[in-house]
Amino acid sequence: MTNKKSGLLQRPDYLVCTCMGVMYSEICQAIEDGYTTFDQLSEFLLVGTGCNSCVPEVKDILKEKLGDK
């Protein structure tokens, strides 16, 4: 066993937008790449363009990743 930090210490990846098949990690990567508003993420990843049930989750991820910026 190593002391190296593993992916287990990070938040597990999961499907956020079932309509478009967008994973949590894809949303996080897009935010890191500069898509910092819901509208930008929606245009880039198509999240929130199907049934809209993921909209609150995507907005929560934005808040989590950007903080009070």
PDB file of N, CA and C in Angstrom:
ATOM      1  N   MET A   1       0.843  -1.181   0.000  1.00  0.00           N
ATOM      2  CA  MET A   1       0.000   0.000   0.000  1.00  0.00           C
ATOM      3  C   MET A   1       0.883   1.238   0.000  1.00  0.00           C
ATOM      4  N   THR A   2       0.491   2.220  -0.807  1.00  0.00           N
ATOM      5  CA  THR A   2       1.293   3.424  -0.912  1.00  0.00           C
ATOM      6  C   THR A   2       0.634   4.582  -0.182  1.00  0.00           C
ATOM      7  N   ASN A   3       1.412   5.611   0.072  1.00  0.00           N
ATOM      8  CA  ASN A   3       0.886   6.810   0.709  1.00  0.00           C
ATOM      9  C   ASN A   3       0.333   7.797  -0.304  1.00  0.00           C
ATOM     10  N   LYS A   4       0.460   7.467  -1.565  1.00  0.00           N
ATOM     11  CA  LYS A   4       0.000   8.342  -2.636  1.00  0.00           C
ATOM     12  C   LYS A   4      -1.511   8.557  -2.529  1.00  0.00           C
ATOM     13  N   LYS A   5      -1.933   9.799  -2.694  1.00  0.00           N
ATOM     14  CA  LYS A   5      -3.366  10.098  -2.642  1.00  0.00           C
ATOM     15  C   LYS A   5      -4.035   9.470  -3.856  1.00  0.00           C
ATOM     16  N   SER A   6      -5.129   8.803  -3.620  1.00  0.00           N
ATOM     17  CA  SER A   6      -5.827   8.141  -4.714  1.00  0.00           C
ATOM     18  C   SER A   6      -7.084   8.904  -5.085  1.00  0.00           C
ATOM     19  N   GLY A   7      -7.698   8.486  -6.169  1.00  0.00           N
ATOM     20  CA  GLY A   7      -8.941   9.073  -6.615  1.00  0.00           C
ATOM     21  C   GLY A   7     -10.069   8.873  -5.622  1.00  0.00           C
ATOM     22  N   LEU A   8      -9.880   7.990  -4.665  1.00  0.00           N
ATOM     23  CA  LEU A   8     -10.927   7.745  -3.675  1.00  0.00           C
ATOM     24  C   LEU A   8     -11.159   8.943  -2.773  1.00  0.00           C
ATOM     25  N   LEU A   9     -10.153   9.810  -2.683  1.00  0.00           N
ATOM     26  CA  LEU A   9     -10.296  10.985  -1.837  1.00  0.00           C
ATOM     27  C   LEU A   9     -11.034  12.104  -2.566  1.00  0.00           C
ATOM     28  N   GLN A  10     -11.191  11.966  -3.867  1.00  0.00           N
ATOM     29  CA  GLN A  10     -11.900  12.950  -4.661  1.00  0.00           C
ATOM     30  C   GLN A  10     -13.371  12.552  -4.746  1.00  0.00           C
ATOM     31  N   ARG A  11     -14.185  13.504  -5.152  1.00  0.00           N
ATOM     32  CA  ARG A  11     -15.608  13.219  -5.339  1.00  0.00           C
ATOM     33  C   ARG A  11     -15.747  12.225  -6.492  1.00  0.00           C
ATOM     34  N   PRO A  12     -16.530  11.176  -6.315  1.00  0.00           N
ATOM     35  CA  PRO A  12     -16.678  10.185  -7.385  1.00  0.00           C
ATOM     36  C   PRO A  12     -17.404  10.770  -8.594  1.00  0.00           C
ATOM     37  N   ASP A  13     -17.033  10.287  -9.772  1.00  0.00           N
ATOM     38  CA  ASP A  13     -17.674  10.732 -10.996  1.00  0.00           C
ATOM     39  C   ASP A  13     -19.067  10.110 -11.089  1.00  0.00           C
ATOM     40  N   TYR A  14     -19.997  10.844 -11.637  1.00  0.00           N
ATOM     41  CA  TYR A  14     -21.357  10.332 -11.790  1.00  0.00           C
ATOM     42  C   TYR A  14     -22.050  11.077 -12.913  1.00  0.00           C
ATOM     43  N   LEU A  15     -23.119  10.498 -13.402  1.00  0.00           N
ATOM     44  CA  LEU A  15     -23.894  11.086 -14.482  1.00  0.00           C
ATOM     45  C   LEU A  15     -24.760  12.209 -13.935  1.00  0.00           C
ATOM     46  N   VAL A  16     -24.575  13.411 -14.451  1.00  0.00           N
ATOM     47  CA  VAL A  16     -25.363  14.569 -14.011  1.00  0.00           C
ATOM     48  C   VAL A  16     -26.536  14.793 -14.961  1.00  0.00           C
ATOM     49  N   CYS A  17     -26.248  14.830 -16.248  1.00  0.00           N
ATOM     50  CA  CYS A  17     -27.281  15.078 -17.254  1.00  0.00           C
ATOM     51  C   CYS A  17     -27.554  13.780 -18.008  1.00  0.00           C
ATOM     52  N   THR A  18     -28.632  13.129 -17.636  1.00  0.00           N
ATOM     53  CA  THR A  18     -28.930  11.840 -18.257  1.00  0.00           C
ATOM     54  C   THR A  18     -29.356  11.995 -19.716  1.00  0.00           C
ATOM     55  N   CYS A  19     -30.033  13.067 -20.041  1.00  0.00           N
ATOM     56  CA  CYS A  19     -30.490  13.262 -21.428  1.00  0.00           C
ATOM     57  C   CYS A  19     -29.322  13.354 -22.399  1.00  0.00           C
ATOM     58  N   MET A  20     -28.279  14.052 -22.006  1.00  0.00           N
ATOM     59  CA  MET A  20     -27.143  14.286 -22.893  1.00  0.00           C
ATOM     60  C   MET A  20     -25.919  13.443 -22.522  1.00  0.00           C
ATOM     61  N   GLY A  21     -26.047  12.654 -21.457  1.00  0.00           N
ATOM     62  CA  GLY A  21     -24.956  11.770 -21.046  1.00  0.00           C
ATOM     63  C   GLY A  21     -23.718  12.503 -20.552  1.00  0.00           C
ATOM     64  N   VAL A  22     -23.908  13.587 -19.805  1.00  0.00           N
ATOM     65  CA  VAL A  22     -22.789  14.406 -19.333  1.00  0.00           C
ATOM     66  C   VAL A  22     -22.441  14.037 -17.896  1.00  0.00           C
ATOM     67  N   MET A  23     -21.169  13.734 -17.699  1.00  0.00           N
ATOM     68  CA  MET A  23     -20.661  13.332 -16.400  1.00  0.00           C
ATOM     69  C   MET A  23     -20.207  14.541 -15.578  1.00  0.00           C
ATOM     70  N   TYR A  24     -20.181  14.363 -14.276  1.00  0.00           N
ATOM     71  CA  TYR A  24     -19.679  15.377 -13.338  1.00  0.00           C
ATOM     72  C   TYR A  24     -18.288  15.848 -13.753  1.00  0.00           C
ATOM     73  N   SER A  25     -17.406  14.918 -14.099  1.00  0.00           N
ATOM     74  CA  SER A  25     -16.032  15.265 -14.466  1.00  0.00           C
ATOM     75  C   SER A  25     -15.979  16.132 -15.712  1.00  0.00           C
ATOM     76  N   GLU A  26     -16.889  15.924 -16.645  1.00  0.00           N
ATOM     77  CA  GLU A  26     -16.925  16.736 -17.859  1.00  0.00           C
ATOM     78  C   GLU A  26     -17.340  18.170 -17.544  1.00  0.00           C
ATOM     79  N   ILE A  27     -18.274  18.325 -16.632  1.00  0.00           N
ATOM     80  CA  ILE A  27     -18.704  19.661 -16.215  1.00  0.00           C
ATOM     81  C   ILE A  27     -17.561  20.369 -15.498  1.00  0.00           C
ATOM     82  N   CYS A  28     -16.888  19.653 -14.603  1.00  0.00           N
ATOM     83  CA  CYS A  28     -15.755  20.243 -13.877  1.00  0.00           C
ATOM     84  C   CYS A  28     -14.653  20.669 -14.841  1.00  0.00           C
ATOM     85  N   GLN A  29     -14.358  19.844 -15.825  1.00  0.00           N
ATOM     86  CA  GLN A  29     -13.319  20.173 -16.805  1.00  0.00           C
ATOM     87  C   GLN A  29     -13.716  21.394 -17.617  1.00  0.00           C
ATOM     88  N   ALA A  30     -14.970  21.466 -18.015  1.00  0.00           N
ATOM     89  CA  ALA A  30     -15.444  22.622 -18.780  1.00  0.00           C
ATOM     90  C   ALA A  30     -15.324  23.904 -17.955  1.00  0.00           C
ATOM     91  N   ILE A  31     -15.636  23.833 -16.667  1.00  0.00           N
ATOM     92  CA  ILE A  31     -15.505  24.999 -15.791  1.00  0.00           C
ATOM     93  C   ILE A  31     -14.040  25.417 -15.722  1.00  0.00           C
ATOM     94  N   GLU A  32     -13.143  24.449 -15.565  1.00  0.00           N
ATOM     95  CA  GLU A  32     -11.711  24.754 -15.535  1.00  0.00           C
ATOM     96  C   GLU A  32     -11.241  25.363 -16.848  1.00  0.00           C
ATOM     97  N   ASP A  33     -11.888  24.976 -17.943  1.00  0.00           N
ATOM     98  CA  ASP A  33     -11.525  25.486 -19.270  1.00  0.00           C
ATOM     99  C   ASP A  33     -12.134  26.854 -19.575  1.00  0.00           C
ATOM    100  N   GLY A  34     -12.910  27.400 -18.628  1.00  0.00           N
ATOM    101  CA  GLY A  34     -13.410  28.752 -18.781  1.00  0.00           C
ATOM    102  C   GLY A  34     -14.893  28.904 -19.022  1.00  0.00           C
ATOM    103  N   TYR A  35     -15.631  27.815 -19.028  1.00  0.00           N
ATOM    104  CA  TYR A  35     -17.086  27.891 -19.165  1.00  0.00           C
ATOM    105  C   TYR A  35     -17.657  28.089 -17.769  1.00  0.00           C
ATOM    106  N   THR A  36     -17.855  29.340 -17.388  1.00  0.00           N
ATOM    107  CA  THR A  36     -18.129  29.642 -15.983  1.00  0.00           C
ATOM    108  C   THR A  36     -19.549  30.131 -15.697  1.00  0.00           C
ATOM    109  N   THR A  37     -20.437  29.994 -16.673  1.00  0.00           N
ATOM    110  CA  THR A  37     -21.847  30.313 -16.424  1.00  0.00           C
ATOM    111  C   THR A  37     -22.689  29.121 -16.869  1.00  0.00           C
ATOM    112  N   PHE A  38     -23.900  29.064 -16.357  1.00  0.00           N
ATOM    113  CA  PHE A  38     -24.776  27.979 -16.765  1.00  0.00           C
ATOM    114  C   PHE A  38     -25.030  28.025 -18.272  1.00  0.00           C
ATOM    115  N   ASP A  39     -25.255  29.221 -18.802  1.00  0.00           N
ATOM    116  CA  ASP A  39     -25.524  29.348 -20.240  1.00  0.00           C
ATOM    117  C   ASP A  39     -24.354  28.844 -21.081  1.00  0.00           C
ATOM    118  N   GLN A  40     -23.134  29.141 -20.648  1.00  0.00           N
ATOM    119  CA  GLN A  40     -21.956  28.658 -21.376  1.00  0.00           C
ATOM    120  C   GLN A  40     -21.870  27.135 -21.327  1.00  0.00           C
ATOM    121  N   LEU A  41     -22.107  26.572 -20.149  1.00  0.00           N
ATOM    122  CA  LEU A  41     -22.073  25.118 -20.016  1.00  0.00           C
ATOM    123  C   LEU A  41     -23.178  24.468 -20.837  1.00  0.00           C
ATOM    124  N   SER A  42     -24.342  25.082 -20.845  1.00  0.00           N
ATOM    125  CA  SER A  42     -25.467  24.551 -21.597  1.00  0.00           C
ATOM    126  C   SER A  42     -25.167  24.550 -23.095  1.00  0.00           C
ATOM    127  N   GLU A  43     -24.571  25.625 -23.571  1.00  0.00           N
ATOM    128  CA  GLU A  43     -24.236  25.710 -24.998  1.00  0.00           C
ATOM    129  C   GLU A  43     -23.134  24.725 -25.366  1.00  0.00           C
ATOM    130  N   PHE A  44     -22.134  24.582 -24.504  1.00  0.00           N
ATOM    131  CA  PHE A  44     -20.977  23.732 -24.790  1.00  0.00           C
ATOM    132  C   PHE A  44     -21.283  22.246 -24.610  1.00  0.00           C
ATOM    133  N   LEU A  45     -21.913  21.894 -23.485  1.00  0.00           N
ATOM    134  CA  LEU A  45     -22.160  20.486 -23.155  1.00  0.00           C
ATOM    135  C   LEU A  45     -23.603  20.043 -23.403  1.00  0.00           C
ATOM    136  N   LEU A  46     -24.470  20.993 -23.678  1.00  0.00           N
ATOM    137  CA  LEU A  46     -25.908  20.744 -23.878  1.00  0.00           C
ATOM    138  C   LEU A  46     -26.641  20.326 -22.607  1.00  0.00           C
ATOM    139  N   VAL A  47     -26.032  20.557 -21.448  1.00  0.00           N
ATOM    140  CA  VAL A  47     -26.716  20.259 -20.188  1.00  0.00           C
ATOM    141  C   VAL A  47     -27.922  21.182 -20.060  1.00  0.00           C
ATOM    142  N   GLY A  48     -29.003  20.647 -19.523  1.00  0.00           N
ATOM    143  CA  GLY A  48     -30.202  21.433 -19.309  1.00  0.00           C
ATOM    144  C   GLY A  48     -31.015  21.688 -20.567  1.00  0.00           C
ATOM    145  N   THR A  49     -30.701  20.992 -21.650  1.00  0.00           N
ATOM    146  CA  THR A  49     -31.441  21.210 -22.898  1.00  0.00           C
ATOM    147  C   THR A  49     -32.445  20.098 -23.195  1.00  0.00           C
ATOM    148  N   GLY A  50     -32.517  19.111 -22.314  1.00  0.00           N
ATOM    149  CA  GLY A  50     -33.475  18.025 -22.486  1.00  0.00           C
ATOM    150  C   GLY A  50     -34.627  18.215 -21.521  1.00  0.00           C
ATOM    151  N   CYS A  51     -34.658  17.394 -20.497  1.00  0.00           N
ATOM    152  CA  CYS A  51     -35.768  17.437 -19.538  1.00  0.00           C
ATOM    153  C   CYS A  51     -35.607  18.521 -18.475  1.00  0.00           C
ATOM    154  N   ASN A  52     -34.424  19.112 -18.379  1.00  0.00           N
ATOM    155  CA  ASN A  52     -34.106  20.189 -17.421  1.00  0.00           C
ATOM    156  C   ASN A  52     -33.936  19.736 -15.977  1.00  0.00           C
ATOM    157  N   SER A  53     -34.018  18.454 -15.694  1.00  0.00           N
ATOM    158  CA  SER A  53     -33.906  18.021 -14.296  1.00  0.00           C
ATOM    159  C   SER A  53     -32.505  18.208 -13.727  1.00  0.00           C
ATOM    160  N   CYS A  54     -31.498  18.376 -14.572  1.00  0.00           N
ATOM    161  CA  CYS A  54     -30.122  18.533 -14.097  1.00  0.00           C
ATOM    162  C   CYS A  54     -29.755  19.985 -13.798  1.00  0.00           C
ATOM    163  N   VAL A  55     -30.602  20.917 -14.165  1.00  0.00           N
ATOM    164  CA  VAL A  55     -30.276  22.341 -14.025  1.00  0.00           C
ATOM    165  C   VAL A  55     -29.848  22.702 -12.597  1.00  0.00           C
ATOM    166  N   PRO A  56     -30.592  22.331 -11.550  1.00  0.00           N
ATOM    167  CA  PRO A  56     -30.143  22.676 -10.192  1.00  0.00           C
ATOM    168  C   PRO A  56     -28.777  22.061  -9.849  1.00  0.00           C
ATOM    169  N   GLU A  57     -28.555  20.822 -10.272  1.00  0.00           N
ATOM    170  CA  GLU A  57     -27.275  20.147  -9.991  1.00  0.00           C
ATOM    171  C   GLU A  57     -26.123  20.858 -10.689  1.00  0.00           C
ATOM    172  N   VAL A  58     -26.312  21.227 -11.949  1.00  0.00           N
ATOM    173  CA  VAL A  58     -25.261  21.928 -12.693  1.00  0.00           C
ATOM    174  C   VAL A  58     -24.956  23.269 -12.023  1.00  0.00           C
ATOM    175  N   LYS A  59     -25.979  23.974 -11.610  1.00  0.00           N
ATOM    176  CA  LYS A  59     -25.779  25.259 -10.927  1.00  0.00           C
ATOM    177  C   LYS A  59     -25.060  25.058  -9.591  1.00  0.00           C
ATOM    178  N   ASP A  60     -25.361  23.977  -8.887  1.00  0.00           N
ATOM    179  CA  ASP A  60     -24.657  23.672  -7.633  1.00  0.00           C
ATOM    180  C   ASP A  60     -23.184  23.372  -7.891  1.00  0.00           C
ATOM    181  N   ILE A  61     -22.899  22.647  -8.967  1.00  0.00           N
ATOM    182  CA  ILE A  61     -21.509  22.342  -9.314  1.00  0.00           C
ATOM    183  C   ILE A  61     -20.760  23.632  -9.638  1.00  0.00           C
ATOM    184  N   LEU A  62     -21.393  24.527 -10.365  1.00  0.00           N
ATOM    185  CA  LEU A  62     -20.779  25.834 -10.650  1.00  0.00           C
ATOM    186  C   LEU A  62     -20.439  26.566  -9.363  1.00  0.00           C
ATOM    187  N   LYS A  63     -21.389  26.621  -8.423  1.00  0.00           N
ATOM    188  CA  LYS A  63     -21.143  27.291  -7.144  1.00  0.00           C
ATOM    189  C   LYS A  63     -19.999  26.620  -6.392  1.00  0.00           C
ATOM    190  N   GLU A  64     -20.014  25.288  -6.391  1.00  0.00           N
ATOM    191  CA  GLU A  64     -18.979  24.526  -5.683  1.00  0.00           C
ATOM    192  C   GLU A  64     -17.599  24.817  -6.264  1.00  0.00           C
ATOM    193  N   LYS A  65     -17.496  24.873  -7.575  1.00  0.00           N
ATOM    194  CA  LYS A  65     -16.205  25.040  -8.230  1.00  0.00           C
ATOM    195  C   LYS A  65     -15.733  26.477  -8.258  1.00  0.00           C
ATOM    196  N   LEU A  66     -16.649  27.417  -8.343  1.00  0.00           N
ATOM    197  CA  LEU A  66     -16.263  28.831  -8.460  1.00  0.00           C
ATOM    198  C   LEU A  66     -16.323  29.584  -7.136  1.00  0.00           C
ATOM    199  N   GLY A  67     -17.020  29.030  -6.176  1.00  0.00           N
ATOM    200  CA  GLY A  67     -17.153  29.712  -4.890  1.00  0.00           C
ATOM    201  C   GLY A  67     -17.922  31.006  -5.058  1.00  0.00           C
ATOM    202  N   ASP A  68     -17.478  32.054  -4.414  1.00  0.00           N
ATOM    203  CA  ASP A  68     -18.167  33.347  -4.471  1.00  0.00           C
ATOM    204  C   ASP A  68     -17.558  34.285  -5.511  1.00  0.00           C
ATOM    205  N   LYS A  69     -16.876  33.728  -6.483  1.00  0.00           N
ATOM    206  CA  LYS A  69     -16.225  34.558  -7.506  1.00  0.00           C
ATOM    207  C   LYS A  69     -17.231  35.317  -8.319  1.00  0.00           C
TER     208      LYS A  69
END
